[in-house]
């Protein structure tokens, strides 16, 4: 359960950084 939460956080951070680049 916790592992999935960490993955979700990492994916969200990656999406945020990609949006900042745009």
N, C-alpha and C. Protein backbone atom coordinates (compact mmCIF):
# COMPACT_ATOMS: atom_id res chain seq x y z
N UNK A 1 0.85 -1.20 0.00
CA UNK A 1 0.00 0.00 0.00
C UNK A 1 0.89 1.25 0.00
N UNK A 2 1.85 1.28 0.94
CA UNK A 2 2.71 2.45 1.06
C UNK A 2 3.56 2.63 -0.20
N UNK A 3 3.98 1.49 -0.77
CA UNK A 3 4.81 1.55 -1.98
C UNK A 3 4.05 2.26 -3.11
N UNK A 4 2.76 1.92 -3.25
CA UNK A 4 1.96 2.56 -4.30
C UNK A 4 1.84 4.05 -4.04
N UNK A 5 1.71 4.43 -2.78
CA UNK A 5 1.58 5.85 -2.43
C UNK A 5 2.84 6.60 -2.84
N UNK A 6 4.01 5.98 -2.57
CA UNK A 6 5.27 6.63 -2.93
C UNK A 6 5.37 6.79 -4.44
N UNK A 7 4.97 5.75 -5.18
CA UNK A 7 5.01 5.82 -6.65
C UNK A 7 4.10 6.94 -7.14
N UNK A 8 2.90 7.03 -6.55
CA UNK A 8 1.96 8.07 -6.97
C UNK A 8 2.56 9.45 -6.74
N UNK A 9 3.22 9.63 -5.61
CA UNK A 9 3.85 10.93 -5.29
C UNK A 9 4.95 11.23 -6.31
N UNK A 10 5.76 10.23 -6.63
CA UNK A 10 6.85 10.43 -7.58
C UNK A 10 6.30 10.80 -8.95
N UNK A 11 5.23 10.12 -9.36
CA UNK A 11 4.63 10.41 -10.67
C UNK A 11 4.06 11.83 -10.68
N UNK A 12 3.44 12.22 -9.59
CA UNK A 12 2.85 13.57 -9.53
C UNK A 12 3.96 14.62 -9.60
N UNK A 13 5.06 14.36 -8.92
CA UNK A 13 6.18 15.32 -8.95
C UNK A 13 6.74 15.42 -10.36
N UNK A 14 6.83 14.29 -11.05
CA UNK A 14 7.35 14.29 -12.43
C UNK A 14 6.40 15.08 -13.32
N UNK A 15 5.10 14.92 -13.12
CA UNK A 15 4.12 15.65 -13.93
C UNK A 15 4.23 17.14 -13.65
N UNK A 16 4.45 17.51 -12.39
CA UNK A 16 4.56 18.92 -12.04
C UNK A 16 5.79 19.54 -12.72
N UNK A 17 6.91 18.85 -12.70
CA UNK A 17 8.12 19.40 -13.31
C UNK A 17 7.95 19.51 -14.82
N UNK A 18 7.25 18.55 -15.43
CA UNK A 18 7.05 18.61 -16.89
C UNK A 18 6.14 19.78 -17.23
N UNK A 19 5.16 20.05 -16.37
CA UNK A 19 4.25 21.18 -16.61
C UNK A 19 5.02 22.49 -16.49
N UNK A 20 5.96 22.56 -15.54
CA UNK A 20 6.74 23.78 -15.35
C UNK A 20 7.58 24.04 -16.60
N UNK A 21 8.10 22.96 -17.22
CA UNK A 21 8.92 23.13 -18.41
C UNK A 21 8.07 23.69 -19.55
N UNK A 22 6.81 23.25 -19.62
CA UNK A 22 5.94 23.74 -20.69
C UNK A 22 5.62 25.21 -20.43
